[in-house]
């Protein structure tokens, strides 16, 4: 449902409309070994630090400028 799912690969992804799948993901998270939880958390935090709001803003403005150039060329 969001582009963040593509970037946050270590997260347990769920479809919010799938209650059974969500329950299974919660169960998996609760049963996850501590070492795996720590590894996933560390990887997710690294990604979040690299792709903060400023990163998203820059990417959005670059895409907007590209679209404007294409539109001007038409």
PDB file of N, CA and C in Angstrom:
ATOM      1  N   UNK A   1       0.797  -1.198   0.000  1.00  0.00           N
ATOM      2  CA  UNK A   1       0.000   0.000   0.000  1.00  0.00           C
ATOM      3  C   UNK A   1       0.844   1.268   0.000  1.00  0.00           C
ATOM      4  N   UNK A   2       2.131   1.113   0.236  1.00  0.00           N
ATOM      5  CA  UNK A   2       2.975   2.298   0.277  1.00  0.00           C
ATOM      6  C   UNK A   2       4.359   1.964  -0.256  1.00  0.00           C
ATOM      7  N   UNK A   3       5.013   2.970  -0.796  1.00  0.00           N
ATOM      8  CA  UNK A   3       6.366   2.771  -1.293  1.00  0.00           C
ATOM      9  C   UNK A   3       7.345   2.404  -0.193  1.00  0.00           C
ATOM     10  N   UNK A   4       6.998   2.745   1.030  1.00  0.00           N
ATOM     11  CA  UNK A   4       7.886   2.413   2.144  1.00  0.00           C
ATOM     12  C   UNK A   4       8.098   0.909   2.254  1.00  0.00           C
ATOM     13  N   UNK A   5       7.122   0.125   1.851  1.00  0.00           N
ATOM     14  CA  UNK A   5       7.257  -1.332   1.923  1.00  0.00           C
ATOM     15  C   UNK A   5       8.413  -1.820   1.058  1.00  0.00           C
ATOM     16  N   UNK A   6       8.669  -1.132  -0.027  1.00  0.00           N
ATOM     17  CA  UNK A   6       9.788  -1.509  -0.891  1.00  0.00           C
ATOM     18  C   UNK A   6      11.130  -1.202  -0.232  1.00  0.00           C
ATOM     19  N   UNK A   7      11.174  -0.175   0.562  1.00  0.00           N
ATOM     20  CA  UNK A   7      12.428   0.237   1.195  1.00  0.00           C
ATOM     21  C   UNK A   7      12.675  -0.463   2.520  1.00  0.00           C
ATOM     22  N   UNK A   8      11.638  -0.741   3.241  1.00  0.00           N
ATOM     23  CA  UNK A   8      11.779  -1.331   4.577  1.00  0.00           C
ATOM     24  C   UNK A   8      11.635  -2.843   4.489  1.00  0.00           C
ATOM     25  N   UNK A   9      12.575  -3.462   3.808  1.00  0.00           N
ATOM     26  CA  UNK A   9      12.498  -4.884   3.495  1.00  0.00           C
ATOM     27  C   UNK A   9      12.530  -5.780   4.728  1.00  0.00           C
ATOM     28  N   UNK A  10      13.096  -5.304   5.807  1.00  0.00           N
ATOM     29  CA  UNK A  10      13.188  -6.118   7.012  1.00  0.00           C
ATOM     30  C   UNK A  10      11.902  -6.090   7.845  1.00  0.00           C
ATOM     31  N   UNK A  11      10.977  -5.218   7.485  1.00  0.00           N
ATOM     32  CA  UNK A  11       9.724  -5.122   8.229  1.00  0.00           C
ATOM     33  C   UNK A  11       8.824  -6.311   7.899  1.00  0.00           C
ATOM     34  N   UNK A  12       7.968  -6.640   8.844  1.00  0.00           N
ATOM     35  CA  UNK A  12       6.939  -7.640   8.578  1.00  0.00           C
ATOM     36  C   UNK A  12       5.772  -6.904   7.938  1.00  0.00           C
ATOM     37  N   UNK A  13       5.529  -7.180   6.694  1.00  0.00           N
ATOM     38  CA  UNK A  13       4.497  -6.464   5.954  1.00  0.00           C
ATOM     39  C   UNK A  13       3.144  -7.133   6.142  1.00  0.00           C
ATOM     40  N   UNK A  14       2.128  -6.312   6.248  1.00  0.00           N
ATOM     41  CA  UNK A  14       0.772  -6.824   6.391  1.00  0.00           C
ATOM     42  C   UNK A  14      -0.177  -6.023   5.503  1.00  0.00           C
ATOM     43  N   UNK A  15      -1.215  -6.682   5.079  1.00  0.00           N
ATOM     44  CA  UNK A  15      -2.326  -6.024   4.408  1.00  0.00           C
ATOM     45  C   UNK A  15      -3.306  -5.657   5.519  1.00  0.00           C
ATOM     46  N   UNK A  16      -3.555  -4.383   5.755  1.00  0.00           N
ATOM     47  CA  UNK A  16      -4.423  -4.000   6.873  1.00  0.00           C
ATOM     48  C   UNK A  16      -5.857  -4.501   6.735  1.00  0.00           C
ATOM     49  N   UNK A  17      -6.240  -4.926   5.546  1.00  0.00           N
ATOM     50  CA  UNK A  17      -7.581  -5.465   5.340  1.00  0.00           C
ATOM     51  C   UNK A  17      -7.635  -6.973   5.555  1.00  0.00           C
ATOM     52  N   UNK A  18      -6.490  -7.596   5.770  1.00  0.00           N
ATOM     53  CA  UNK A  18      -6.395  -9.044   5.976  1.00  0.00           C
ATOM     54  C   UNK A  18      -6.156  -9.311   7.458  1.00  0.00           C
ATOM     55  N   UNK A  19      -7.234  -9.502   8.199  1.00  0.00           N
ATOM     56  CA  UNK A  19      -7.097  -9.671   9.648  1.00  0.00           C
ATOM     57  C   UNK A  19      -6.340 -10.948   9.995  1.00  0.00           C
ATOM     58  N   UNK A  20      -6.542 -12.008   9.251  1.00  0.00           N
ATOM     59  CA  UNK A  20      -5.832 -13.260   9.514  1.00  0.00           C
ATOM     60  C   UNK A  20      -4.326 -13.084   9.272  1.00  0.00           C
ATOM     61  N   UNK A  21      -3.988 -12.454   8.154  1.00  0.00           N
ATOM     62  CA  UNK A  21      -2.581 -12.204   7.850  1.00  0.00           C
ATOM     63  C   UNK A  21      -1.927 -11.289   8.864  1.00  0.00           C
ATOM     64  N   UNK A  22      -2.649 -10.285   9.321  1.00  0.00           N
ATOM     65  CA  UNK A  22      -2.132  -9.377  10.344  1.00  0.00           C
ATOM     66  C   UNK A  22      -1.890 -10.129  11.646  1.00  0.00           C
ATOM     67  N   UNK A  23      -2.838 -10.975  12.027  1.00  0.00           N
ATOM     68  CA  UNK A  23      -2.681 -11.779  13.241  1.00  0.00           C
ATOM     69  C   UNK A  23      -1.471 -12.699  13.126  1.00  0.00           C
ATOM     70  N   UNK A  24      -1.263 -13.278  11.953  1.00  0.00           N
ATOM     71  CA  UNK A  24      -0.113 -14.158  11.745  1.00  0.00           C
ATOM     72  C   UNK A  24       1.198 -13.382  11.845  1.00  0.00           C
ATOM     73  N   UNK A  25       1.222 -12.169  11.305  1.00  0.00           N
ATOM     74  CA  UNK A  25       2.431 -11.347  11.386  1.00  0.00           C
ATOM     75  C   UNK A  25       2.732 -10.962  12.832  1.00  0.00           C
ATOM     76  N   UNK A  26       1.699 -10.652  13.590  1.00  0.00           N
ATOM     77  CA  UNK A  26       1.893 -10.322  15.008  1.00  0.00           C
ATOM     78  C   UNK A  26       2.429 -11.548  15.750  1.00  0.00           C
ATOM     79  N   UNK A  27       1.858 -12.699  15.460  1.00  0.00           N
ATOM     80  CA  UNK A  27       2.321 -13.935  16.087  1.00  0.00           C
ATOM     81  C   UNK A  27       3.784 -14.206  15.726  1.00  0.00           C
ATOM     82  N   UNK A  28       4.114 -14.010  14.461  1.00  0.00           N
ATOM     83  CA  UNK A  28       5.502 -14.208  14.019  1.00  0.00           C
ATOM     84  C   UNK A  28       6.441 -13.247  14.748  1.00  0.00           C
ATOM     85  N   UNK A  29       6.027 -11.999  14.875  1.00  0.00           N
ATOM     86  CA  UNK A  29       6.862 -11.004  15.552  1.00  0.00           C
ATOM     87  C   UNK A  29       7.069 -11.371  17.020  1.00  0.00           C
ATOM     88  N   UNK A  30       6.018 -11.812  17.671  1.00  0.00           N
ATOM     89  CA  UNK A  30       6.123 -12.167  19.088  1.00  0.00           C
ATOM     90  C   UNK A  30       6.994 -13.391  19.312  1.00  0.00           C
ATOM     91  N   UNK A  31       7.040 -14.282  18.326  1.00  0.00           N
ATOM     92  CA  UNK A  31       7.833 -15.504  18.447  1.00  0.00           C
ATOM     93  C   UNK A  31       9.248 -15.356  17.897  1.00  0.00           C
ATOM     94  N   UNK A  32       9.538 -14.221  17.296  1.00  0.00           N
ATOM     95  CA  UNK A  32      10.828 -14.008  16.634  1.00  0.00           C
ATOM     96  C   UNK A  32      11.967 -14.008  17.660  1.00  0.00           C
ATOM     97  N   UNK A  33      13.047 -14.704  17.347  1.00  0.00           N
ATOM     98  CA  UNK A  33      14.199 -14.695  18.255  1.00  0.00           C
ATOM     99  C   UNK A  33      14.759 -13.274  18.433  1.00  0.00           C
ATOM    100  N   UNK A  34      15.279 -13.020  19.615  1.00  0.00           N
ATOM    101  CA  UNK A  34      15.805 -11.698  19.947  1.00  0.00           C
ATOM    102  C   UNK A  34      16.870 -11.242  18.955  1.00  0.00           C
ATOM    103  N   UNK A  35      17.776 -12.127  18.578  1.00  0.00           N
ATOM    104  CA  UNK A  35      18.825 -11.746  17.625  1.00  0.00           C
ATOM    105  C   UNK A  35      18.249 -11.279  16.302  1.00  0.00           C
ATOM    106  N   UNK A  36      17.213 -11.957  15.815  1.00  0.00           N
ATOM    107  CA  UNK A  36      16.580 -11.554  14.548  1.00  0.00           C
ATOM    108  C   UNK A  36      15.882 -10.211  14.706  1.00  0.00           C
ATOM    109  N   UNK A  37      15.207 -10.013  15.829  1.00  0.00           N
ATOM    110  CA  UNK A  37      14.541  -8.719  16.065  1.00  0.00           C
ATOM    111  C   UNK A  37      15.556  -7.590  16.081  1.00  0.00           C
ATOM    112  N   UNK A  38      16.668  -7.820  16.745  1.00  0.00           N
ATOM    113  CA  UNK A  38      17.703  -6.780  16.814  1.00  0.00           C
ATOM    114  C   UNK A  38      18.288  -6.488  15.442  1.00  0.00           C
ATOM    115  N   UNK A  39      18.538  -7.532  14.668  1.00  0.00           N
ATOM    116  CA  UNK A  39      19.102  -7.348  13.323  1.00  0.00           C
ATOM    117  C   UNK A  39      18.123  -6.568  12.447  1.00  0.00           C
ATOM    118  N   UNK A  40      16.855  -6.955  12.489  1.00  0.00           N
ATOM    119  CA  UNK A  40      15.846  -6.253  11.687  1.00  0.00           C
ATOM    120  C   UNK A  40      15.721  -4.798  12.123  1.00  0.00           C
ATOM    121  N   UNK A  41      15.694  -4.579  13.423  1.00  0.00           N
ATOM    122  CA  UNK A  41      15.572  -3.210  13.941  1.00  0.00           C
ATOM    123  C   UNK A  41      16.752  -2.359  13.488  1.00  0.00           C
ATOM    124  N   UNK A  42      17.941  -2.894  13.595  1.00  0.00           N
ATOM    125  CA  UNK A  42      19.137  -2.155  13.191  1.00  0.00           C
ATOM    126  C   UNK A  42      19.094  -1.809  11.706  1.00  0.00           C
ATOM    127  N   UNK A  43      18.731  -2.785  10.878  1.00  0.00           N
ATOM    128  CA  UNK A  43      18.658  -2.540   9.437  1.00  0.00           C
ATOM    129  C   UNK A  43      17.576  -1.512   9.103  1.00  0.00           C
ATOM    130  N   UNK A  44      16.440  -1.610   9.757  1.00  0.00           N
ATOM    131  CA  UNK A  44      15.359  -0.649   9.508  1.00  0.00           C
ATOM    132  C   UNK A  44      15.768   0.760   9.924  1.00  0.00           C
ATOM    133  N   UNK A  45      16.424   0.891  11.065  1.00  0.00           N
ATOM    134  CA  UNK A  45      16.855   2.213  11.522  1.00  0.00           C
ATOM    135  C   UNK A  45      17.898   2.806  10.589  1.00  0.00           C
ATOM    136  N   UNK A  46      18.787   1.977  10.060  1.00  0.00           N
ATOM    137  CA  UNK A  46      19.785   2.462   9.100  1.00  0.00           C
ATOM    138  C   UNK A  46      19.080   3.025   7.872  1.00  0.00           C
ATOM    139  N   UNK A  47      18.095   2.301   7.372  1.00  0.00           N
ATOM    140  CA  UNK A  47      17.337   2.761   6.206  1.00  0.00           C
ATOM    141  C   UNK A  47      16.608   4.059   6.518  1.00  0.00           C
ATOM    142  N   UNK A  48      15.986   4.132   7.673  1.00  0.00           N
ATOM    143  CA  UNK A  48      15.234   5.337   8.039  1.00  0.00           C
ATOM    144  C   UNK A  48      16.138   6.556   8.182  1.00  0.00           C
ATOM    145  N   UNK A  49      17.333   6.347   8.688  1.00  0.00           N
ATOM    146  CA  UNK A  49      18.261   7.476   8.825  1.00  0.00           C
ATOM    147  C   UNK A  49      18.726   7.983   7.460  1.00  0.00           C
ATOM    148  N   UNK A  50      18.882   7.067   6.508  1.00  0.00           N
ATOM    149  CA  UNK A  50      19.334   7.457   5.164  1.00  0.00           C
ATOM    150  C   UNK A  50      18.208   8.084   4.346  1.00  0.00           C
ATOM    151  N   UNK A  51      17.002   7.640   4.556  1.00  0.00           N
ATOM    152  CA  UNK A  51      15.876   8.094   3.727  1.00  0.00           C
ATOM    153  C   UNK A  51      14.877   8.868   4.589  1.00  0.00           C
ATOM    154  N   UNK A  52      15.358   9.951   5.159  1.00  0.00           N
ATOM    155  CA  UNK A  52      14.514  10.774   6.017  1.00  0.00           C
ATOM    156  C   UNK A  52      13.657  11.718   5.175  1.00  0.00           C
ATOM    157  N   UNK A  53      12.976  12.616   5.824  1.00  0.00           N
ATOM    158  CA  UNK A  53      12.071  13.537   5.139  1.00  0.00           C
ATOM    159  C   UNK A  53      12.815  14.407   4.127  1.00  0.00           C
ATOM    160  N   UNK A  54      14.040  14.753   4.430  1.00  0.00           N
ATOM    161  CA  UNK A  54      14.824  15.576   3.503  1.00  0.00           C
ATOM    162  C   UNK A  54      15.155  14.784   2.236  1.00  0.00           C
ATOM    163  N   UNK A  55      15.477  13.512   2.374  1.00  0.00           N
ATOM    164  CA  UNK A  55      15.734  12.640   1.227  1.00  0.00           C
ATOM    165  C   UNK A  55      14.482  12.533   0.360  1.00  0.00           C
ATOM    166  N   UNK A  56      13.334  12.309   1.017  1.00  0.00           N
ATOM    167  CA  UNK A  56      12.072  12.198   0.279  1.00  0.00           C
ATOM    168  C   UNK A  56      11.751  13.511  -0.449  1.00  0.00           C
ATOM    169  N   UNK A  57      11.951  14.642   0.218  1.00  0.00           N
ATOM    170  CA  UNK A  57      11.689  15.941  -0.405  1.00  0.00           C
ATOM    171  C   UNK A  57      12.547  16.124  -1.653  1.00  0.00           C
ATOM    172  N   UNK A  58      13.813  15.823  -1.540  1.00  0.00           N
ATOM    173  CA  UNK A  58      14.720  15.974  -2.677  1.00  0.00           C
ATOM    174  C   UNK A  58      14.294  15.088  -3.832  1.00  0.00           C
ATOM    175  N   UNK A  59      13.986  13.833  -3.546  1.00  0.00           N
ATOM    176  CA  UNK A  59      13.539  12.912  -4.600  1.00  0.00           C
ATOM    177  C   UNK A  59      12.248  13.407  -5.260  1.00  0.00           C
ATOM    178  N   UNK A  60      11.317  13.896  -4.452  1.00  0.00           N
ATOM    179  CA  UNK A  60      10.043  14.381  -4.990  1.00  0.00           C
ATOM    180  C   UNK A  60      10.263  15.585  -5.891  1.00  0.00           C
ATOM    181  N   UNK A  61      11.063  16.535  -5.442  1.00  0.00           N
ATOM    182  CA  UNK A  61      11.309  17.734  -6.241  1.00  0.00           C
ATOM    183  C   UNK A  61      12.065  17.412  -7.529  1.00  0.00           C
ATOM    184  N   UNK A  62      12.976  16.444  -7.475  1.00  0.00           N
ATOM    185  CA  UNK A  62      13.673  16.020  -8.694  1.00  0.00           C
ATOM    186  C   UNK A  62      12.691  15.391  -9.687  1.00  0.00           C
ATOM    187  N   UNK A  63      11.803  14.553  -9.201  1.00  0.00           N
ATOM    188  CA  UNK A  63      10.808  13.922 -10.072  1.00  0.00           C
ATOM    189  C   UNK A  63       9.863  14.967 -10.651  1.00  0.00           C
ATOM    190  N   UNK A  64       9.507  15.951  -9.854  1.00  0.00           N
ATOM    191  CA  UNK A  64       8.632  17.025 -10.312  1.00  0.00           C
ATOM    192  C   UNK A  64       9.314  17.848 -11.404  1.00  0.00           C
ATOM    193  N   UNK A  65      10.585  18.148 -11.218  1.00  0.00           N
ATOM    194  CA  UNK A  65      11.338  18.905 -12.226  1.00  0.00           C
ATOM    195  C   UNK A  65      11.456  18.111 -13.525  1.00  0.00           C
ATOM    196  N   UNK A  66      11.694  16.806 -13.414  1.00  0.00           N
ATOM    197  CA  UNK A  66      11.755  15.960 -14.614  1.00  0.00           C
ATOM    198  C   UNK A  66      10.428  15.972 -15.355  1.00  0.00           C
ATOM    199  N   UNK A  67       9.334  15.862 -14.620  1.00  0.00           N
ATOM    200  CA  UNK A  67       8.016  15.864 -15.243  1.00  0.00           C
ATOM    201  C   UNK A  67       7.747  17.195 -15.936  1.00  0.00           C
ATOM    202  N   UNK A  68       8.183  18.285 -15.327  1.00  0.00           N
ATOM    203  CA  UNK A  68       7.992  19.602 -15.933  1.00  0.00           C
ATOM    204  C   UNK A  68       8.788  19.719 -17.227  1.00  0.00           C
ATOM    205  N   UNK A  69      10.004  19.171 -17.245  1.00  0.00           N
ATOM    206  CA  UNK A  69      10.826  19.203 -18.462  1.00  0.00           C
ATOM    207  C   UNK A  69      10.173  18.404 -19.582  1.00  0.00           C
ATOM    208  N   UNK A  70       9.630  17.250 -19.237  1.00  0.00           N
ATOM    209  CA  UNK A  70       8.953  16.421 -20.241  1.00  0.00           C
ATOM    210  C   UNK A  70       7.725  17.154 -20.766  1.00  0.00           C
ATOM    211  N   UNK A  71       6.962  17.755 -19.871  1.00  0.00           N
ATOM    212  CA  UNK A  71       5.763  18.476 -20.286  1.00  0.00           C
ATOM    213  C   UNK A  71       6.120  19.663 -21.179  1.00  0.00           C
ATOM    214  N   UNK A  72       7.195  20.348 -20.866  1.00  0.00           N
ATOM    215  CA  UNK A  72       7.625  21.491 -21.672  1.00  0.00           C
ATOM    216  C   UNK A  72       8.076  21.058 -23.065  1.00  0.00           C
ATOM    217  N   UNK A  73       8.601  19.850 -23.162  1.00  0.00           N
ATOM    218  CA  UNK A  73       9.102  19.345 -24.445  1.00  0.00           C
ATOM    219  C   UNK A  73       7.975  18.888 -25.372  1.00  0.00           C
ATOM    220  N   UNK A  74       6.815  18.709 -24.819  1.00  0.00           N
ATOM    221  CA  UNK A  74       5.686  18.213 -25.635  1.00  0.00           C
ATOM    222  C   UNK A  74       5.040  19.332 -26.416  1.00  0.00           C
TER     223      UNK A  74
END
